[in-house]
Amino acid sequence: EQMIEEEDLNIMYPTVFPEGVTINSVRFNVESDGNETVQFVTNDIDTNVQIVLSENQIIEDDIETTEIEGTIYRIHKSDFVSVSYYLNNNTYYILAKSLDDAFLIIENMKEQ
């Protein structure tokens, strides 16, 4: 929360993770395309949250989509689950071991 306040970021951030998963670090980066990102790195390589701070929605190829309360969630399943969605001028990427774990994180995102 402190870094989000210091950087004056208008983002939602994760407050709950699956059992045993904790945040190791929070990274603020400027990517080669100029987009700024915030990444919540956890102790589990299969679980993390990345937020791209951009007014342009980033759309990737989808395997499945679902809409909940007006927000479209793009879901990609492989050895893990990746869910992306666009909200308040930011694209959120949630990486988790299962769809239930991904939506546990999403449902517990908190706005600064």
N, C-alpha and C. Protein backbone atom coordinates (compact mmCIF):
# COMPACT_ATOMS: atom_id res chain seq x y z
N GLU A 1 0.82 -1.19 0.00
CA GLU A 1 0.00 0.00 0.00
C GLU A 1 0.87 1.26 0.00
N GLN A 2 1.99 1.20 0.71
CA GLN A 2 2.86 2.37 0.81
C GLN A 2 3.40 2.80 -0.55
N MET A 3 3.89 1.83 -1.35
CA MET A 3 4.41 2.16 -2.67
C MET A 3 3.31 2.73 -3.55
N ILE A 4 2.12 2.17 -3.47
CA ILE A 4 1.00 2.65 -4.28
C ILE A 4 0.68 4.09 -3.93
N GLU A 5 0.69 4.41 -2.64
CA GLU A 5 0.45 5.78 -2.20
C GLU A 5 1.58 6.71 -2.65
N GLU A 6 2.82 6.28 -2.47
CA GLU A 6 3.97 7.11 -2.83
C GLU A 6 4.00 7.42 -4.32
N GLU A 7 3.65 6.44 -5.15
CA GLU A 7 3.65 6.62 -6.60
C GLU A 7 2.35 7.24 -7.10
N ASP A 8 1.38 7.45 -6.19
CA ASP A 8 0.08 8.02 -6.52
C ASP A 8 -0.59 7.23 -7.66
N LEU A 9 -0.63 5.91 -7.50
CA LEU A 9 -1.18 5.04 -8.52
C LEU A 9 -2.67 4.81 -8.29
N ASN A 10 -3.44 4.93 -9.34
CA ASN A 10 -4.88 4.69 -9.29
C ASN A 10 -5.14 3.26 -9.74
N ILE A 11 -4.84 2.30 -8.86
CA ILE A 11 -4.98 0.89 -9.21
C ILE A 11 -5.68 0.15 -8.08
N MET A 12 -6.15 -1.04 -8.43
CA MET A 12 -6.62 -1.98 -7.43
C MET A 12 -5.45 -2.92 -7.16
N TYR A 13 -5.35 -3.40 -5.94
CA TYR A 13 -4.22 -4.28 -5.61
C TYR A 13 -4.74 -5.48 -4.82
N PRO A 14 -3.99 -6.59 -4.87
CA PRO A 14 -4.45 -7.81 -4.22
C PRO A 14 -4.31 -7.74 -2.70
N THR A 15 -5.33 -8.27 -2.02
CA THR A 15 -5.28 -8.31 -0.56
C THR A 15 -5.36 -9.74 -0.03
N VAL A 16 -5.81 -10.67 -0.88
CA VAL A 16 -5.93 -12.07 -0.47
C VAL A 16 -5.36 -12.94 -1.58
N PHE A 17 -4.58 -13.95 -1.17
CA PHE A 17 -4.02 -14.93 -2.10
C PHE A 17 -4.43 -16.33 -1.63
N PRO A 18 -4.28 -17.32 -2.49
CA PRO A 18 -4.55 -18.70 -2.06
C PRO A 18 -3.67 -19.06 -0.86
N GLU A 19 -4.11 -20.06 -0.13
CA GLU A 19 -3.39 -20.48 1.08
C GLU A 19 -1.92 -20.76 0.79
N GLY A 20 -1.05 -20.23 1.63
CA GLY A 20 0.38 -20.44 1.51
C GLY A 20 1.09 -19.47 0.59
N VAL A 21 0.34 -18.64 -0.15
CA VAL A 21 0.95 -17.69 -1.09
C VAL A 21 1.04 -16.33 -0.43
N THR A 22 2.23 -15.74 -0.47
CA THR A 22 2.46 -14.41 0.10
C THR A 22 3.23 -13.54 -0.89
N ILE A 23 3.12 -12.23 -0.73
CA ILE A 23 3.84 -11.30 -1.59
C ILE A 23 5.30 -11.22 -1.12
N ASN A 24 6.22 -11.44 -2.05
CA ASN A 24 7.65 -11.28 -1.77
C ASN A 24 8.12 -9.86 -2.05
N SER A 25 7.62 -9.29 -3.16
CA SER A 25 8.04 -7.94 -3.52
C SER A 25 7.02 -7.31 -4.45
N VAL A 26 7.10 -5.99 -4.57
CA VAL A 26 6.27 -5.23 -5.50
C VAL A 26 7.23 -4.45 -6.38
N ARG A 27 7.10 -4.62 -7.68
CA ARG A 27 8.01 -3.97 -8.63
C ARG A 27 7.26 -2.98 -9.50
N PHE A 28 7.86 -1.83 -9.70
CA PHE A 28 7.32 -0.81 -10.59
C PHE A 28 8.31 -0.68 -11.73
N ASN A 29 7.85 -0.91 -12.98
CA ASN A 29 8.74 -0.91 -14.13
C ASN A 29 8.18 -0.08 -15.27
N VAL A 30 9.07 0.40 -16.12
CA VAL A 30 8.68 0.99 -17.39
C VAL A 30 9.16 0.02 -18.46
N GLU A 31 8.22 -0.53 -19.22
CA GLU A 31 8.53 -1.53 -20.23
C GLU A 31 9.09 -0.86 -21.49
N SER A 32 9.64 -1.67 -22.38
CA SER A 32 10.24 -1.16 -23.63
C SER A 32 9.21 -0.45 -24.50
N ASP A 33 7.93 -0.81 -24.38
CA ASP A 33 6.89 -0.14 -25.17
C ASP A 33 6.41 1.15 -24.51
N GLY A 34 7.01 1.50 -23.37
CA GLY A 34 6.67 2.74 -22.67
C GLY A 34 5.59 2.58 -21.61
N ASN A 35 4.91 1.43 -21.60
CA ASN A 35 3.89 1.20 -20.58
C ASN A 35 4.53 1.00 -19.21
N GLU A 36 3.90 1.55 -18.21
CA GLU A 36 4.35 1.33 -16.84
C GLU A 36 3.60 0.13 -16.28
N THR A 37 4.30 -0.69 -15.51
CA THR A 37 3.69 -1.86 -14.91
C THR A 37 3.98 -1.93 -13.42
N VAL A 38 3.05 -2.52 -12.71
CA VAL A 38 3.25 -2.84 -11.30
C VAL A 38 3.07 -4.35 -11.19
N GLN A 39 4.05 -5.01 -10.59
CA GLN A 39 3.98 -6.46 -10.48
C GLN A 39 4.10 -6.86 -9.01
N PHE A 40 3.15 -7.68 -8.59
CA PHE A 40 3.17 -8.25 -7.24
C PHE A 40 3.75 -9.65 -7.37
N VAL A 41 4.99 -9.82 -6.93
CA VAL A 41 5.71 -11.09 -7.05
C VAL A 41 5.49 -11.87 -5.76
N THR A 42 5.11 -13.15 -5.91
CA THR A 42 4.82 -13.97 -4.73
C THR A 42 5.88 -15.05 -4.53
N ASN A 43 5.71 -15.79 -3.45
CA ASN A 43 6.61 -16.91 -3.15
C ASN A 43 6.27 -18.15 -3.98
N ASP A 44 5.24 -18.07 -4.83
CA ASP A 44 4.82 -19.19 -5.67
C ASP A 44 4.98 -18.78 -7.14
N ILE A 45 5.84 -19.45 -7.86
CA ILE A 45 6.14 -19.07 -9.25
C ILE A 45 4.90 -19.10 -10.14
N ASP A 46 3.87 -19.87 -9.76
CA ASP A 46 2.65 -19.96 -10.56
C ASP A 46 1.59 -18.93 -10.19
N THR A 47 1.89 -18.04 -9.26
CA THR A 47 0.90 -17.06 -8.81
C THR A 47 1.52 -15.67 -8.80
N ASN A 48 0.93 -14.74 -9.56
CA ASN A 48 1.35 -13.35 -9.46
C ASN A 48 0.30 -12.44 -10.07
N VAL A 49 0.45 -11.16 -9.82
CA VAL A 49 -0.46 -10.15 -10.33
C VAL A 49 0.37 -9.09 -11.01
N GLN A 50 0.01 -8.75 -12.24
CA GLN A 50 0.68 -7.67 -12.96
C GLN A 50 -0.38 -6.70 -13.46
N ILE A 51 -0.09 -5.42 -13.32
CA ILE A 51 -1.02 -4.38 -13.75
C ILE A 51 -0.30 -3.49 -14.75
N VAL A 52 -0.87 -3.33 -15.93
CA VAL A 52 -0.31 -2.44 -16.95
C VAL A 52 -1.09 -1.14 -16.88
N LEU A 53 -0.37 -0.06 -16.59
CA LEU A 53 -0.99 1.25 -16.44
C LEU A 53 -1.05 1.90 -17.81
N SER A 54 -2.18 1.77 -18.46
CA SER A 54 -2.33 2.29 -19.82
C SER A 54 -3.79 2.55 -20.10
N GLU A 55 -4.07 3.67 -20.74
CA GLU A 55 -5.45 3.95 -21.11
C GLU A 55 -5.90 3.08 -22.27
N ASN A 56 -4.96 2.43 -22.94
CA ASN A 56 -5.30 1.55 -24.07
C ASN A 56 -5.47 0.14 -23.56
N GLN A 57 -6.61 -0.43 -23.82
CA GLN A 57 -6.87 -1.80 -23.41
C GLN A 57 -6.00 -2.74 -24.22
N ILE A 58 -5.35 -3.66 -23.56
CA ILE A 58 -4.51 -4.65 -24.21
C ILE A 58 -5.34 -5.91 -24.37
N ILE A 59 -5.57 -6.32 -25.61
CA ILE A 59 -6.39 -7.50 -25.87
C ILE A 59 -5.50 -8.58 -26.48
N GLU A 60 -5.55 -9.74 -25.89
CA GLU A 60 -4.78 -10.87 -26.39
C GLU A 60 -5.74 -11.94 -26.89
N ASP A 61 -5.21 -12.92 -27.59
CA ASP A 61 -6.04 -14.02 -28.03
C ASP A 61 -6.63 -14.73 -26.82
N ASP A 62 -7.88 -15.07 -26.91
CA ASP A 62 -8.58 -15.68 -25.79
C ASP A 62 -8.96 -17.11 -26.11
N ILE A 63 -9.01 -17.90 -25.08
CA ILE A 63 -9.59 -19.22 -25.22
C ILE A 63 -11.03 -19.15 -24.72
N GLU A 64 -11.26 -18.35 -23.72
CA GLU A 64 -12.59 -18.26 -23.10
C GLU A 64 -12.76 -16.85 -22.55
N THR A 65 -13.98 -16.34 -22.60
CA THR A 65 -14.28 -15.07 -21.96
C THR A 65 -15.53 -15.22 -21.13
N THR A 66 -15.62 -14.43 -20.08
CA THR A 66 -16.83 -14.37 -19.27
C THR A 66 -17.02 -12.93 -18.84
N GLU A 67 -18.27 -12.51 -18.74
CA GLU A 67 -18.56 -11.14 -18.31
C GLU A 67 -19.26 -11.19 -16.97
N ILE A 68 -18.74 -10.40 -16.03
CA ILE A 68 -19.32 -10.30 -14.69
C ILE A 68 -19.47 -8.82 -14.36
N GLU A 69 -20.69 -8.40 -14.12
CA GLU A 69 -20.99 -7.01 -13.77
C GLU A 69 -20.34 -6.02 -14.73
N GLY A 70 -20.41 -6.31 -16.02
CA GLY A 70 -19.92 -5.39 -17.04
C GLY A 70 -18.44 -5.47 -17.35
N THR A 71 -17.70 -6.27 -16.62
CA THR A 71 -16.26 -6.43 -16.87
C THR A 71 -16.04 -7.76 -17.61
N ILE A 72 -15.29 -7.70 -18.71
CA ILE A 72 -15.00 -8.91 -19.48
C ILE A 72 -13.67 -9.48 -19.00
N TYR A 73 -13.71 -10.75 -18.61
CA TYR A 73 -12.52 -11.46 -18.16
C TYR A 73 -12.09 -12.41 -19.26
N ARG A 74 -10.82 -12.33 -19.65
CA ARG A 74 -10.26 -13.19 -20.68
C ARG A 74 -9.45 -14.28 -19.97
N ILE A 75 -9.78 -15.51 -20.27
CA ILE A 75 -9.21 -16.64 -19.53
C ILE A 75 -8.40 -17.53 -20.47
N HIS A 76 -7.18 -17.79 -20.08
CA HIS A 76 -6.30 -18.69 -20.83
C HIS A 76 -5.87 -19.79 -19.87
N LYS A 77 -6.10 -21.03 -20.26
CA LYS A 77 -5.75 -22.17 -19.41
C LYS A 77 -4.67 -23.00 -20.07
N SER A 78 -3.64 -23.33 -19.30
CA SER A 78 -2.60 -24.27 -19.73
C SER A 78 -2.18 -25.02 -18.47
N ASP A 79 -0.89 -25.05 -18.16
CA ASP A 79 -0.45 -25.66 -16.90
C ASP A 79 -0.88 -24.80 -15.72
N PHE A 80 -1.26 -23.58 -16.00
CA PHE A 80 -1.75 -22.63 -15.01
C PHE A 80 -2.90 -21.87 -15.65
N VAL A 81 -3.48 -20.94 -14.92
CA VAL A 81 -4.58 -20.13 -15.44
C VAL A 81 -4.15 -18.67 -15.46
N SER A 82 -4.41 -17.99 -16.56
CA SER A 82 -4.15 -16.56 -16.66
C SER A 82 -5.49 -15.88 -16.96
N VAL A 83 -5.84 -14.92 -16.13
CA VAL A 83 -7.07 -14.15 -16.33
C VAL A 83 -6.66 -12.70 -16.49
N SER A 84 -7.14 -12.06 -17.56
CA SER A 84 -6.86 -10.64 -17.75
C SER A 84 -8.17 -9.89 -17.88
N TYR A 85 -8.15 -8.64 -17.43
CA TYR A 85 -9.33 -7.79 -17.56
C TYR A 85 -8.90 -6.33 -17.52
N TYR A 86 -9.76 -5.48 -18.08
CA TYR A 86 -9.48 -4.04 -18.18
C TYR A 86 -10.46 -3.31 -17.29
N LEU A 87 -9.93 -2.46 -16.40
CA LEU A 87 -10.78 -1.74 -15.46
C LEU A 87 -10.10 -0.43 -15.08
N ASN A 88 -10.83 0.66 -15.17
CA ASN A 88 -10.32 1.98 -14.76
C ASN A 88 -8.98 2.34 -15.42
N ASN A 89 -8.90 2.15 -16.73
CA ASN A 89 -7.72 2.50 -17.52
C ASN A 89 -6.48 1.66 -17.20
N ASN A 90 -6.66 0.48 -16.66
CA ASN A 90 -5.55 -0.43 -16.38
C ASN A 90 -5.92 -1.83 -16.86
N THR A 91 -4.92 -2.57 -17.35
CA THR A 91 -5.12 -3.97 -17.69
C THR A 91 -4.49 -4.81 -16.60
N TYR A 92 -5.28 -5.71 -16.03
CA TYR A 92 -4.86 -6.56 -14.92
C TYR A 92 -4.62 -7.98 -15.45
N TYR A 93 -3.52 -8.58 -15.02
CA TYR A 93 -3.21 -9.97 -15.35
C TYR A 93 -3.05 -10.73 -14.04
N ILE A 94 -3.82 -11.77 -13.88
CA ILE A 94 -3.76 -12.61 -12.69
C ILE A 94 -3.31 -13.99 -13.14
N LEU A 95 -2.22 -14.46 -12.58
CA LEU A 95 -1.68 -15.78 -12.88
C LEU A 95 -1.89 -16.64 -11.64
N ALA A 96 -2.50 -17.82 -11.80
CA ALA A 96 -2.77 -18.69 -10.65
C ALA A 96 -2.79 -20.15 -11.09
N LYS A 97 -2.81 -21.04 -10.11
CA LYS A 97 -2.82 -22.47 -10.40
C LYS A 97 -4.17 -22.96 -10.88
N SER A 98 -5.25 -22.24 -10.51
CA SER A 98 -6.58 -22.67 -10.92
C SER A 98 -7.46 -21.44 -11.14
N LEU A 99 -8.57 -21.64 -11.82
CA LEU A 99 -9.51 -20.55 -12.04
C LEU A 99 -10.10 -20.06 -10.71
N ASP A 100 -10.36 -20.99 -9.81
CA ASP A 100 -10.86 -20.59 -8.48
C ASP A 100 -9.85 -19.71 -7.75
N ASP A 101 -8.56 -20.06 -7.82
CA ASP A 101 -7.52 -19.24 -7.17
C ASP A 101 -7.45 -17.86 -7.82
N ALA A 102 -7.55 -17.82 -9.15
CA ALA A 102 -7.49 -16.53 -9.85
C ALA A 102 -8.64 -15.63 -9.41
N PHE A 103 -9.85 -16.18 -9.35
CA PHE A 103 -11.00 -15.36 -8.97
C PHE A 103 -11.01 -15.04 -7.47
N LEU A 104 -10.36 -15.85 -6.64
CA LEU A 104 -10.17 -15.50 -5.24
C LEU A 104 -9.36 -14.20 -5.14
N ILE A 105 -8.30 -14.12 -5.92
CA ILE A 105 -7.47 -12.90 -5.94
C ILE A 105 -8.28 -11.73 -6.49
N ILE A 106 -8.96 -11.93 -7.62
CA ILE A 106 -9.73 -10.85 -8.25
C ILE A 106 -10.82 -10.32 -7.32
N GLU A 107 -11.55 -11.22 -6.69
CA GLU A 107 -12.65 -10.81 -5.81
C GLU A 107 -12.17 -10.04 -4.59
N ASN A 108 -10.89 -10.17 -4.26
CA ASN A 108 -10.34 -9.49 -3.08
C ASN A 108 -9.37 -8.38 -3.45
N MET A 109 -9.48 -7.84 -4.67
CA MET A 109 -8.68 -6.68 -5.05
C MET A 109 -9.27 -5.47 -4.36
N LYS A 110 -8.40 -4.60 -3.89
CA LYS A 110 -8.82 -3.41 -3.13
C LYS A 110 -8.36 -2.17 -3.90
N GLU A 111 -9.20 -1.15 -3.92
CA GLU A 111 -8.85 0.09 -4.60
C GLU A 111 -8.21 1.06 -3.62
N GLN A 112 -7.14 1.69 -4.08
CA GLN A 112 -6.41 2.67 -3.25
C GLN A 112 -7.25 3.90 -3.07
